[in-house]
Amino acid sequence: MDEYRLNIIKKSSAEINRLQLLSVFFDDEVIYKIYLRSQVIHQLFANNEELEIEKLDLFHLQFTDSVIELLRKIKKSNEKNVSLIYDEIDLNEELIDRMAGTLVDQKSFQQDKQKQSLKVNLSLRKLFSVLSDLSTDFPFSKNINVFSSKYANDFYFDLTTNQFAQLINFQDKQVYTNVYATIEKKLMGKLCKYDFRTEFYIGLKSGEQVIEVYKFLETDSHYLFFPSRNLFLFCDLTVLKDLDTSTNLSEKGKIMQELQYKNDKLKSNAAVLKTAIPHEVLSLLEDSYHKISDINFLNHLNNFDVQSNILKTMLNTDLF
């Protein structure tokens, strides 16, 4: 084999290798078929010295080069877009990490709910004694307000000012009052009946104001504790009917969960986008494949300029 022919064969092998790498990257059937057909054409010239080697060179010049350049341009555009997606993912991950560092522990919240329930139950029992004995003793357990101060921002649900006002509204004739606390009369009666056995249900907030809602262990009744006024009233849950209390996640926990879900979707989108090929390009490549698969293709190679020009025109579009 003369050196001129050998150089064209080597050059053709290099083109075929580049096309193979792109077919692996895009993992698309039509590109793989073009690679296989190009390989067949290459082998045809490599094994038959009587064929005009210039036709192989012309095939790559008119077709393969344009396909490779087009696919490389798409690959570069896709990688740029994927890079932007991963920049967003990285920013979300940084935010998740920062929030995780300041996140109030969920386990601690569950444990402290039990402690707070005990404090409130003991305080109400003591308040009953104080009111019954007309005593001036302070009825509340030590640090009873610490719980809301610690957990309100992360775990309490937001109310409108109107909802908040409805919950704490009462008439004087409905309550017992002393210098330390105000409690609904019927609520005190029910607490006595069920031996002050209640548990923390949910926390509510509106601006800087907070409410703790408690549930009776043995009946489906609820009451509220409004720490700012040491106020205890039955809690009408219908006021909260539009409030989603189904999640136990803190506010930061919810945001972190949403960011993680968003990142999962972004990663999925990035995987698809990485190898995406515009429909117009796929149609053109499919058409090109059929043309180079024609048994008389080599005989009409000189007439392949039109297809070549279409491929080159595609390179200058704004599809990608």
C-alpha atoms as a PDB file:
ATOM      1  CA  MET A   1       0.000   0.000   0.000  1.00  0.00           C
ATOM      2  CA  ASP A   2       1.505   3.353  -1.031  1.00  0.00           C
ATOM      3  CA  GLU A   3       2.133   6.049   1.530  1.00  0.00           C
ATOM      4  CA  TYR A   4      -0.531   8.364   0.106  1.00  0.00           C
ATOM      5  CA  ARG A   5      -3.224   5.698   0.477  1.00  0.00           C
ATOM      6  CA  LEU A   6      -1.904   4.674   3.897  1.00  0.00           C
ATOM      7  CA  ASN A   7      -2.144   8.267   5.194  1.00  0.00           C
ATOM      8  CA  ILE A   8      -5.767   8.564   4.082  1.00  0.00           C
ATOM      9  CA  ILE A   9      -6.578   5.213   5.750  1.00  0.00           C
ATOM     10  CA  LYS A  10      -4.933   6.403   9.012  1.00  0.00           C
ATOM     11  CA  LYS A  11      -6.775   9.700   8.811  1.00  0.00           C
ATOM     12  CA  SER A  12     -10.024   7.796   8.220  1.00  0.00           C
ATOM     13  CA  SER A  13      -9.378   5.573  11.263  1.00  0.00           C
ATOM     14  CA  ALA A  14      -8.936   8.668  13.401  1.00  0.00           C
ATOM     15  CA  GLU A  15     -12.268  10.045  12.132  1.00  0.00           C
ATOM     16  CA  ILE A  16     -14.000   6.749  12.857  1.00  0.00           C
ATOM     17  CA  ASN A  17     -12.556   6.699  16.394  1.00  0.00           C
ATOM     18  CA  ARG A  18     -13.843  10.214  17.065  1.00  0.00           C
ATOM     19  CA  LEU A  19     -17.256   9.231  15.788  1.00  0.00           C
ATOM     20  CA  GLN A  20     -17.244   6.118  17.982  1.00  0.00           C
ATOM     21  CA  LEU A  21     -16.493   8.188  21.095  1.00  0.00           C
ATOM     22  CA  LEU A  22     -19.400  10.492  20.287  1.00  0.00           C
ATOM     23  CA  SER A  23     -21.731   7.549  19.694  1.00  0.00           C
ATOM     24  CA  VAL A  24     -20.812   6.212  23.141  1.00  0.00           C
ATOM     25  CA  PHE A  25     -21.310   9.624  24.739  1.00  0.00           C
ATOM     26  CA  PHE A  26     -24.760  10.282  23.240  1.00  0.00           C
ATOM     27  CA  ASP A  27     -25.840   6.634  23.370  1.00  0.00           C
ATOM     28  CA  ASP A  28     -28.244   7.255  20.509  1.00  0.00           C
ATOM     29  CA  GLU A  29     -29.243   4.618  17.992  1.00  0.00           C
ATOM     30  CA  VAL A  30     -28.952   6.723  14.851  1.00  0.00           C
ATOM     31  CA  ILE A  31     -25.468   7.978  15.776  1.00  0.00           C
ATOM     32  CA  TYR A  32     -24.368   4.433  16.495  1.00  0.00           C
ATOM     33  CA  LYS A  33     -25.757   3.295  13.135  1.00  0.00           C
ATOM     34  CA  ILE A  34     -23.864   6.120  11.385  1.00  0.00           C
ATOM     35  CA  TYR A  35     -20.685   5.037  13.173  1.00  0.00           C
ATOM     36  CA  LEU A  36     -21.167   1.397  12.105  1.00  0.00           C
ATOM     37  CA  ARG A  37     -21.941   2.378   8.518  1.00  0.00           C
ATOM     38  CA  SER A  38     -18.900   4.672   8.428  1.00  0.00           C
ATOM     39  CA  GLN A  39     -16.793   1.806   9.770  1.00  0.00           C
ATOM     40  CA  VAL A  40     -18.092  -0.452   6.976  1.00  0.00           C
ATOM     41  CA  ILE A  41     -17.207   2.171   4.365  1.00  0.00           C
ATOM     42  CA  HIS A  42     -13.758   2.584   5.909  1.00  0.00           C
ATOM     43  CA  GLN A  43     -13.122  -1.182   5.853  1.00  0.00           C
ATOM     44  CA  LEU A  44     -14.335  -1.359   2.285  1.00  0.00           C
ATOM     45  CA  PHE A  45     -11.567   0.987   1.167  1.00  0.00           C
ATOM     46  CA  ALA A  46      -8.981  -0.510   3.533  1.00  0.00           C
ATOM     47  CA  ASN A  47      -9.532  -3.996   2.100  1.00  0.00           C
ATOM     48  CA  ASN A  48      -9.897  -3.060  -1.564  1.00  0.00           C
ATOM     49  CA  GLU A  49      -6.943  -1.208  -2.997  1.00  0.00           C
ATOM     50  CA  GLU A  50      -8.559  -1.020  -6.406  1.00  0.00           C
ATOM     51  CA  LEU A  51     -11.105   1.485  -5.026  1.00  0.00           C
ATOM     52  CA  GLU A  52     -10.303   5.167  -5.430  1.00  0.00           C
ATOM     53  CA  ILE A  53      -9.021   6.176  -2.001  1.00  0.00           C
ATOM     54  CA  GLU A  54      -9.931   9.797  -2.724  1.00  0.00           C
ATOM     55  CA  LYS A  55     -13.605   8.813  -2.404  1.00  0.00           C
ATOM     56  CA  LEU A  56     -13.018   7.779   1.224  1.00  0.00           C
ATOM     57  CA  ASP A  57     -11.340  11.099   1.888  1.00  0.00           C
ATOM     58  CA  LEU A  58     -14.216  12.886   0.158  1.00  0.00           C
ATOM     59  CA  PHE A  59     -16.761  10.927   2.243  1.00  0.00           C
ATOM     60  CA  HIS A  60     -15.196  12.127   5.481  1.00  0.00           C
ATOM     61  CA  LEU A  61     -14.767  15.630   4.176  1.00  0.00           C
ATOM     62  CA  GLN A  62     -18.373  15.958   3.029  1.00  0.00           C
ATOM     63  CA  PHE A  63     -20.083  13.922   5.738  1.00  0.00           C
ATOM     64  CA  THR A  64     -18.165  12.614   8.730  1.00  0.00           C
ATOM     65  CA  ASP A  65     -16.406  15.897   9.530  1.00  0.00           C
ATOM     66  CA  SER A  66     -19.705  17.771   9.558  1.00  0.00           C
ATOM     67  CA  VAL A  67     -21.402  15.137  11.735  1.00  0.00           C
ATOM     68  CA  ILE A  68     -18.528  15.171  14.218  1.00  0.00           C
ATOM     69  CA  GLU A  69     -18.435  18.962  14.358  1.00  0.00           C
ATOM     70  CA  LEU A  70     -22.210  19.127  14.794  1.00  0.00           C
ATOM     71  CA  LEU A  71     -22.205  16.553  17.602  1.00  0.00           C
ATOM     72  CA  ARG A  72     -19.283  18.262  19.312  1.00  0.00           C
ATOM     73  CA  LYS A  73     -21.118  21.573  19.225  1.00  0.00           C
ATOM     74  CA  ILE A  74     -24.213  19.955  20.763  1.00  0.00           C
ATOM     75  CA  LYS A  75     -22.044  18.225  23.371  1.00  0.00           C
ATOM     76  CA  LYS A  76     -20.333  21.491  24.294  1.00  0.00           C
ATOM     77  CA  SER A  77     -23.669  23.329  24.531  1.00  0.00           C
ATOM     78  CA  ASN A  78     -25.177  20.544  26.648  1.00  0.00           C
ATOM     79  CA  GLU A  79     -22.192  20.480  28.982  1.00  0.00           C
ATOM     80  CA  LYS A  80     -22.450  24.245  29.450  1.00  0.00           C
ATOM     81  CA  ASN A  81     -26.142  23.955  30.366  1.00  0.00           C
ATOM     82  CA  VAL A  82     -25.454  20.982  32.641  1.00  0.00           C
ATOM     83  CA  SER A  83     -22.707  22.997  34.328  1.00  0.00           C
ATOM     84  CA  LEU A  84     -25.230  25.745  35.103  1.00  0.00           C
ATOM     85  CA  ILE A  85     -27.575  23.159  36.605  1.00  0.00           C
ATOM     86  CA  TYR A  86     -24.798  21.768  38.806  1.00  0.00           C
ATOM     87  CA  ASP A  87     -23.898  25.304  39.891  1.00  0.00           C
ATOM     88  CA  GLU A  88     -27.471  25.619  41.174  1.00  0.00           C
ATOM     89  CA  ILE A  89     -27.234  22.186  42.798  1.00  0.00           C
ATOM     90  CA  ASP A  90     -23.996  23.209  44.560  1.00  0.00           C
ATOM     91  CA  LEU A  91     -25.583  26.424  45.843  1.00  0.00           C
ATOM     92  CA  ASN A  92     -28.546  24.436  47.166  1.00  0.00           C
ATOM     93  CA  GLU A  93     -26.200  21.946  48.840  1.00  0.00           C
ATOM     94  CA  GLU A  94     -24.303  24.779  50.518  1.00  0.00           C
ATOM     95  CA  LEU A  95     -27.572  26.226  51.797  1.00  0.00           C
ATOM     96  CA  ILE A  96     -28.677  22.801  53.061  1.00  0.00           C
ATOM     97  CA  ASP A  97     -25.345  22.366  54.875  1.00  0.00           C
ATOM     98  CA  ARG A  98     -25.568  25.824  56.471  1.00  0.00           C
ATOM     99  CA  MET A  99     -29.139  25.220  57.603  1.00  0.00           C
ATOM    100  CA  ALA A 100     -28.256  21.770  58.934  1.00  0.00           C
ATOM    101  CA  GLY A 101     -25.635  23.373  61.145  1.00  0.00           C
ATOM    102  CA  THR A 102     -28.263  25.563  62.830  1.00  0.00           C
ATOM    103  CA  LEU A 103     -31.166  23.109  62.724  1.00  0.00           C
ATOM    104  CA  VAL A 104     -32.814  22.467  66.061  1.00  0.00           C
ATOM    105  CA  ASP A 105     -32.660  18.749  66.663  1.00  0.00           C
ATOM    106  CA  GLN A 106     -35.927  16.925  65.950  1.00  0.00           C
ATOM    107  CA  LYS A 107     -35.229  14.361  68.656  1.00  0.00           C
ATOM    108  CA  SER A 108     -34.663  17.091  71.240  1.00  0.00           C
ATOM    109  CA  PHE A 109     -37.974  18.676  70.273  1.00  0.00           C
ATOM    110  CA  GLN A 110     -39.824  15.403  70.837  1.00  0.00           C
ATOM    111  CA  GLN A 111     -38.152  14.906  74.207  1.00  0.00           C
ATOM    112  CA  ASP A 112     -38.735  18.487  75.336  1.00  0.00           C
ATOM    113  CA  LYS A 113     -42.422  18.281  74.348  1.00  0.00           C
ATOM    114  CA  GLN A 114     -42.863  15.649  77.035  1.00  0.00           C
ATOM    115  CA  LYS A 115     -41.060  17.777  79.607  1.00  0.00           C
ATOM    116  CA  GLN A 116     -43.115  20.827  78.675  1.00  0.00           C
ATOM    117  CA  SER A 117     -46.347  18.840  78.967  1.00  0.00           C
ATOM    118  CA  LEU A 118     -45.340  17.800  82.459  1.00  0.00           C
ATOM    119  CA  LYS A 119     -44.521  21.407  83.423  1.00  0.00           C
ATOM    120  CA  VAL A 120     -47.870  22.685  82.148  1.00  0.00           C
ATOM    121  CA  ASN A 121     -49.825  19.889  83.830  1.00  0.00           C
ATOM    122  CA  LEU A 122     -48.086  20.558  87.138  1.00  0.00           C
ATOM    123  CA  SER A 123     -48.631  24.304  86.737  1.00  0.00           C
ATOM    124  CA  LEU A 124     -52.350  23.817  86.100  1.00  0.00           C
ATOM    125  CA  ARG A 125     -52.672  21.509  89.079  1.00  0.00           C
ATOM    126  CA  LYS A 126     -50.952  24.140  91.225  1.00  0.00           C
ATOM    127  CA  LEU A 127     -53.129  26.892  89.719  1.00  0.00           C
ATOM    128  CA  PHE A 128     -56.224  24.938  90.731  1.00  0.00           C
ATOM    129  CA  SER A 129     -54.964  24.767  94.307  1.00  0.00           C
ATOM    130  CA  VAL A 130     -54.069  28.461  94.337  1.00  0.00           C
ATOM    131  CA  LEU A 131     -57.508  29.475  93.052  1.00  0.00           C
ATOM    132  CA  SER A 132     -59.290  27.085  95.424  1.00  0.00           C
ATOM    133  CA  ASP A 133     -57.330  28.249  98.478  1.00  0.00           C
ATOM    134  CA  LEU A 134     -57.293  31.925  97.451  1.00  0.00           C
ATOM    135  CA  SER A 135     -53.536  31.637  97.778  1.00  0.00           C
ATOM    136  CA  THR A 136     -51.018  34.151  96.444  1.00  0.00           C
ATOM    137  CA  ASP A 137     -48.451  31.479  95.577  1.00  0.00           C
ATOM    138  CA  PHE A 138     -46.905  31.558  92.124  1.00  0.00           C
ATOM    139  CA  PRO A 139     -48.352  28.536  90.322  1.00  0.00           C
ATOM    140  CA  PHE A 140     -46.076  28.125  87.299  1.00  0.00           C
ATOM    141  CA  SER A 141     -43.196  25.674  86.938  1.00  0.00           C
ATOM    142  CA  LYS A 142     -39.688  27.054  86.513  1.00  0.00           C
ATOM    143  CA  ASN A 143     -38.693  28.078  82.946  1.00  0.00           C
ATOM    144  CA  ILE A 144     -42.109  27.246  81.548  1.00  0.00           C
ATOM    145  CA  ASN A 145     -41.650  29.772  78.716  1.00  0.00           C
ATOM    146  CA  VAL A 146     -38.268  28.459  77.586  1.00  0.00           C
ATOM    147  CA  PHE A 147     -39.821  25.751  75.411  1.00  0.00           C
ATOM    148  CA  SER A 148     -41.592  28.164  73.042  1.00  0.00           C
ATOM    149  CA  SER A 149     -38.596  30.492  72.973  1.00  0.00           C
ATOM    150  CA  LYS A 150     -36.416  27.614  71.836  1.00  0.00           C
ATOM    151  CA  TYR A 151     -38.678  25.912  69.310  1.00  0.00           C
ATOM    152  CA  ALA A 152     -41.211  28.447  67.997  1.00  0.00           C
ATOM    153  CA  ASN A 153     -39.160  29.605  64.998  1.00  0.00           C
ATOM    154  CA  ASP A 154     -38.531  26.102  63.741  1.00  0.00           C
ATOM    155  CA  PHE A 155     -41.535  24.028  64.782  1.00  0.00           C
ATOM    156  CA  TYR A 156     -44.539  26.291  65.354  1.00  0.00           C
ATOM    157  CA  PHE A 157     -47.144  26.849  62.644  1.00  0.00           C
ATOM    158  CA  ASP A 158     -47.972  30.332  61.361  1.00  0.00           C
ATOM    159  CA  LEU A 159     -51.384  31.874  61.978  1.00  0.00           C
ATOM    160  CA  THR A 160     -52.992  34.997  60.613  1.00  0.00           C
ATOM    161  CA  THR A 161     -53.603  37.772  63.113  1.00  0.00           C
ATOM    162  CA  ASN A 162     -57.344  37.133  62.724  1.00  0.00           C
ATOM    163  CA  GLN A 163     -56.976  33.434  63.580  1.00  0.00           C
ATOM    164  CA  PHE A 164     -54.782  34.287  66.534  1.00  0.00           C
ATOM    165  CA  ALA A 165     -57.298  36.841  67.819  1.00  0.00           C
ATOM    166  CA  GLN A 166     -60.159  34.321  67.514  1.00  0.00           C
ATOM    167  CA  LEU A 167     -58.293  31.738  69.579  1.00  0.00           C
ATOM    168  CA  ILE A 168     -57.515  34.029  72.519  1.00  0.00           C
ATOM    169  CA  ASN A 169     -60.876  35.800  72.604  1.00  0.00           C
ATOM    170  CA  PHE A 170     -62.987  35.294  75.747  1.00  0.00           C
ATOM    171  CA  GLN A 171     -65.522  37.004  78.005  1.00  0.00           C
ATOM    172  CA  ASP A 172     -64.693  37.848  81.618  1.00  0.00           C
ATOM    173  CA  LYS A 173     -67.624  35.860  82.996  1.00  0.00           C
ATOM    174  CA  GLN A 174     -66.198  32.707  81.391  1.00  0.00           C
ATOM    175  CA  VAL A 175     -62.915  32.692  83.319  1.00  0.00           C
ATOM    176  CA  TYR A 176     -61.233  32.492  86.682  1.00  0.00           C
ATOM    177  CA  THR A 177     -58.582  35.153  87.164  1.00  0.00           C
ATOM    178  CA  ASN A 178     -55.906  36.007  89.699  1.00  0.00           C
ATOM    179  CA  VAL A 179     -52.724  38.075  89.529  1.00  0.00           C
ATOM    180  CA  TYR A 180     -50.824  35.229  87.868  1.00  0.00           C
ATOM    181  CA  ALA A 181     -53.173  33.596  85.379  1.00  0.00           C
ATOM    182  CA  THR A 182     -56.523  33.456  83.632  1.00  0.00           C
ATOM    183  CA  ILE A 183     -58.246  30.146  82.913  1.00  0.00           C
ATOM    184  CA  GLU A 184     -61.595  29.237  81.419  1.00  0.00           C
ATOM    185  CA  LYS A 185     -63.907  27.886  84.129  1.00  0.00           C
ATOM    186  CA  LYS A 186     -65.142  24.896  82.125  1.00  0.00           C
ATOM    187  CA  LEU A 187     -61.576  24.075  81.164  1.00  0.00           C
ATOM    188  CA  MET A 188     -60.525  23.948  84.806  1.00  0.00           C
ATOM    189  CA  GLY A 189     -63.456  21.624  85.504  1.00  0.00           C
ATOM    190  CA  LYS A 190     -62.441  19.304  82.675  1.00  0.00           C
ATOM    191  CA  LEU A 191     -58.808  19.307  83.785  1.00  0.00           C
ATOM    192  CA  CYS A 192     -59.866  18.251  87.253  1.00  0.00           C
ATOM    193  CA  LYS A 193     -62.122  15.533  85.831  1.00  0.00           C
ATOM    194  CA  TYR A 194     -59.258  14.012  83.816  1.00  0.00           C
ATOM    195  CA  ASP A 195     -56.640  14.578  86.533  1.00  0.00           C
ATOM    196  CA  PHE A 196     -54.655  17.139  84.518  1.00  0.00           C
ATOM    197  CA  ARG A 197     -53.496  14.478  82.050  1.00  0.00           C
ATOM    198  CA  THR A 198     -52.689  16.325  78.834  1.00  0.00           C
ATOM    199  CA  GLU A 199     -49.911  16.438  76.259  1.00  0.00           C
ATOM    200  CA  PHE A 200     -48.415  19.027  73.937  1.00  0.00           C
ATOM    201  CA  TYR A 201     -50.215  18.950  70.572  1.00  0.00           C
ATOM    202  CA  ILE A 202     -48.844  21.762  68.360  1.00  0.00           C
ATOM    203  CA  GLY A 203     -47.326  25.205  68.637  1.00  0.00           C
ATOM    204  CA  LEU A 204     -48.710  28.257  66.847  1.00  0.00           C
ATOM    205  CA  LYS A 205     -47.243  31.669  66.149  1.00  0.00           C
ATOM    206  CA  SER A 206     -48.218  35.017  64.723  1.00  0.00           C
ATOM    207  CA  GLY A 207     -45.401  37.510  64.563  1.00  0.00           C
ATOM    208  CA  GLU A 208     -43.687  37.410  67.956  1.00  0.00           C
ATOM    209  CA  GLN A 209     -46.718  35.956  69.733  1.00  0.00           C
ATOM    210  CA  VAL A 210     -46.978  32.224  70.408  1.00  0.00           C
ATOM    211  CA  ILE A 211     -49.624  29.767  71.552  1.00  0.00           C
ATOM    212  CA  GLU A 212     -49.102  26.247  72.828  1.00  0.00           C
ATOM    213  CA  VAL A 213     -51.963  23.829  72.128  1.00  0.00           C
ATOM    214  CA  TYR A 214     -52.476  20.788  74.366  1.00  0.00           C
ATOM    215  CA  LYS A 215     -54.634  17.706  73.996  1.00  0.00           C
ATOM    216  CA  PHE A 216     -56.401  15.704  76.702  1.00  0.00           C
ATOM    217  CA  LEU A 217     -55.015  12.168  76.759  1.00  0.00           C
ATOM    218  CA  GLU A 218     -58.389  10.511  77.321  1.00  0.00           C
ATOM    219  CA  THR A 219     -60.678  12.610  75.152  1.00  0.00           C
ATOM    220  CA  ASP A 220     -60.531  14.486  71.874  1.00  0.00           C
ATOM    221  CA  SER A 221     -60.453  17.941  73.430  1.00  0.00           C
ATOM    222  CA  HIS A 222     -57.831  20.644  73.183  1.00  0.00           C
ATOM    223  CA  TYR A 223     -56.900  23.782  75.043  1.00  0.00           C
ATOM    224  CA  LEU A 224     -54.377  26.553  74.542  1.00  0.00           C
ATOM    225  CA  PHE A 225     -51.780  28.217  76.680  1.00  0.00           C
ATOM    226  CA  PHE A 226     -50.969  31.816  75.738  1.00  0.00           C
ATOM    227  CA  PRO A 227     -47.712  32.481  77.654  1.00  0.00           C
ATOM    228  CA  SER A 228     -47.727  36.266  77.167  1.00  0.00           C
ATOM    229  CA  ARG A 229     -50.878  36.525  79.309  1.00  0.00           C
ATOM    230  CA  ASN A 230     -50.683  33.201  81.169  1.00  0.00           C
ATOM    231  CA  LEU A 231     -54.044  32.486  79.569  1.00  0.00           C
ATOM    232  CA  PHE A 232     -55.687  29.043  79.331  1.00  0.00           C
ATOM    233  CA  LEU A 233     -58.752  28.534  77.110  1.00  0.00           C
ATOM    234  CA  PHE A 234     -60.416  25.731  75.213  1.00  0.00           C
ATOM    235  CA  CYS A 235     -58.987  25.646  71.674  1.00  0.00           C
ATOM    236  CA  ASP A 236     -61.413  25.541  68.759  1.00  0.00           C
ATOM    237  CA  LEU A 237     -59.514  23.590  66.102  1.00  0.00           C
ATOM    238  CA  THR A 238     -61.983  24.617  63.395  1.00  0.00           C
ATOM    239  CA  VAL A 239     -60.173  27.961  63.422  1.00  0.00           C
ATOM    240  CA  LEU A 240     -57.130  26.007  62.192  1.00  0.00           C
ATOM    241  CA  LYS A 241     -58.978  24.054  59.477  1.00  0.00           C
ATOM    242  CA  ASP A 242     -56.814  25.505  56.674  1.00  0.00           C
ATOM    243  CA  LEU A 243     -53.599  24.831  58.574  1.00  0.00           C
ATOM    244  CA  ASP A 244     -51.530  21.856  57.404  1.00  0.00           C
ATOM    245  CA  THR A 245     -50.278  20.204  60.585  1.00  0.00           C
ATOM    246  CA  SER A 246     -49.483  16.856  58.948  1.00  0.00           C
ATOM    247  CA  THR A 247     -45.713  17.277  59.064  1.00  0.00           C
ATOM    248  CA  ASN A 248     -43.484  17.171  62.122  1.00  0.00           C
ATOM    249  CA  LEU A 249     -40.616  18.814  60.279  1.00  0.00           C
ATOM    250  CA  SER A 250     -39.360  22.177  61.446  1.00  0.00           C
ATOM    251  CA  GLU A 251     -39.577  25.162  59.103  1.00  0.00           C
ATOM    252  CA  LYS A 252     -35.886  24.771  58.286  1.00  0.00           C
ATOM    253  CA  GLY A 253     -36.389  21.049  57.918  1.00  0.00           C
ATOM    254  CA  LYS A 254     -39.161  21.664  55.375  1.00  0.00           C
ATOM    255  CA  ILE A 255     -36.960  24.048  53.395  1.00  0.00           C
ATOM    256  CA  MET A 256     -34.098  21.556  53.470  1.00  0.00           C
ATOM    257  CA  GLN A 257     -36.429  18.782  52.306  1.00  0.00           C
ATOM    258  CA  GLU A 258     -37.714  20.972  49.452  1.00  0.00           C
ATOM    259  CA  LEU A 259     -34.170  21.889  48.412  1.00  0.00           C
ATOM    260  CA  GLN A 260     -33.124  18.242  48.446  1.00  0.00           C
ATOM    261  CA  TYR A 261     -36.149  17.300  46.355  1.00  0.00           C
ATOM    262  CA  LYS A 262     -35.309  20.105  43.931  1.00  0.00           C
ATOM    263  CA  ASN A 263     -31.707  18.903  43.698  1.00  0.00           C
ATOM    264  CA  ASP A 264     -32.855  15.360  42.940  1.00  0.00           C
ATOM    265  CA  LYS A 265     -34.967  16.702  40.078  1.00  0.00           C
ATOM    266  CA  LEU A 266     -32.113  18.891  38.836  1.00  0.00           C
ATOM    267  CA  LYS A 267     -29.731  15.929  38.823  1.00  0.00           C
ATOM    268  CA  SER A 268     -32.255  13.894  36.867  1.00  0.00           C
ATOM    269  CA  ASN A 269     -32.721  16.750  34.400  1.00  0.00           C
ATOM    270  CA  ALA A 270     -28.957  17.143  34.053  1.00  0.00           C
ATOM    271  CA  ALA A 271     -28.539  13.469  33.208  1.00  0.00           C
ATOM    272  CA  VAL A 272     -31.112  13.783  30.424  1.00  0.00           C
ATOM    273  CA  LEU A 273     -29.838  17.149  29.181  1.00  0.00           C
ATOM    274  CA  LYS A 274     -26.241  15.940  28.992  1.00  0.00           C
ATOM    275  CA  THR A 275     -26.961  13.738  25.966  1.00  0.00           C
ATOM    276  CA  ALA A 276     -30.011  15.539  24.567  1.00  0.00           C
ATOM    277  CA  ILE A 277     -30.077  16.084  20.802  1.00  0.00           C
ATOM    278  CA  PRO A 278     -32.601  18.439  19.162  1.00  0.00           C
ATOM    279  CA  HIS A 279     -35.310  16.646  17.201  1.00  0.00           C
ATOM    280  CA  GLU A 280     -34.370  18.539  14.019  1.00  0.00           C
ATOM    281  CA  VAL A 281     -30.807  17.238  14.271  1.00  0.00           C
ATOM    282  CA  LEU A 282     -31.922  13.659  14.865  1.00  0.00           C
ATOM    283  CA  SER A 283     -34.196  13.815  11.823  1.00  0.00           C
ATOM    284  CA  LEU A 284     -31.352  15.124   9.698  1.00  0.00           C
ATOM    285  CA  LEU A 285     -28.959  12.438  10.969  1.00  0.00           C
ATOM    286  CA  GLU A 286     -31.554   9.732  10.304  1.00  0.00           C
ATOM    287  CA  ASP A 287     -31.946  11.007   6.749  1.00  0.00           C
ATOM    288  CA  SER A 288     -28.176  11.122   6.326  1.00  0.00           C
ATOM    289  CA  TYR A 289     -27.829   7.576   7.572  1.00  0.00           C
ATOM    290  CA  HIS A 290     -30.293   6.315   4.999  1.00  0.00           C
ATOM    291  CA  LYS A 291     -28.343   8.083   2.251  1.00  0.00           C
ATOM    292  CA  ILE A 292     -24.969   6.601   3.234  1.00  0.00           C
ATOM    293  CA  SER A 293     -26.597   3.174   3.598  1.00  0.00           C
ATOM    294  CA  ASP A 294     -27.628   3.184  -0.053  1.00  0.00           C
ATOM    295  CA  ILE A 295     -25.736   0.475  -1.917  1.00  0.00           C
ATOM    296  CA  ASN A 296     -24.967   2.961  -4.697  1.00  0.00           C
ATOM    297  CA  PHE A 297     -23.856   5.656  -2.271  1.00  0.00           C
ATOM    298  CA  LEU A 298     -20.209   5.671  -3.343  1.00  0.00           C
ATOM    299  CA  ASN A 299     -21.140   6.026  -6.983  1.00  0.00           C
ATOM    300  CA  HIS A 300     -23.059   9.185  -6.189  1.00  0.00           C
ATOM    301  CA  LEU A 301     -20.651  10.601  -3.658  1.00  0.00           C
ATOM    302  CA  ASN A 302     -20.060  13.676  -5.751  1.00  0.00           C
ATOM    303  CA  ASN A 303     -23.767  14.476  -5.426  1.00  0.00           C
ATOM    304  CA  PHE A 304     -23.688  14.367  -1.628  1.00  0.00           C
ATOM    305  CA  ASP A 305     -22.875  18.069  -1.402  1.00  0.00           C
ATOM    306  CA  VAL A 306     -26.501  18.985  -0.699  1.00  0.00           C
ATOM    307  CA  GLN A 307     -26.641  16.773   2.400  1.00  0.00           C
ATOM    308  CA  SER A 308     -23.262  18.075   3.483  1.00  0.00           C
ATOM    309  CA  ASN A 309     -24.434  21.664   3.153  1.00  0.00           C
ATOM    310  CA  ILE A 310     -27.524  20.915   5.259  1.00  0.00           C
ATOM    311  CA  LEU A 311     -25.308  19.526   8.024  1.00  0.00           C
ATOM    312  CA  LYS A 312     -23.030  22.565   7.848  1.00  0.00           C
ATOM    313  CA  THR A 313     -26.036  24.906   7.910  1.00  0.00           C
ATOM    314  CA  MET A 314     -27.266  23.176  11.052  1.00  0.00           C
ATOM    315  CA  LEU A 315     -23.992  24.132  12.728  1.00  0.00           C
ATOM    316  CA  ASN A 316     -24.898  27.795  12.395  1.00  0.00           C
ATOM    317  CA  THR A 317     -28.389  27.556  13.875  1.00  0.00           C
ATOM    318  CA  ASP A 318     -29.388  28.564  17.419  1.00  0.00           C
ATOM    319  CA  LEU A 319     -30.934  25.180  18.281  1.00  0.00           C
ATOM    320  CA  PHE A 320     -28.245  24.596  20.878  1.00  0.00           C
END
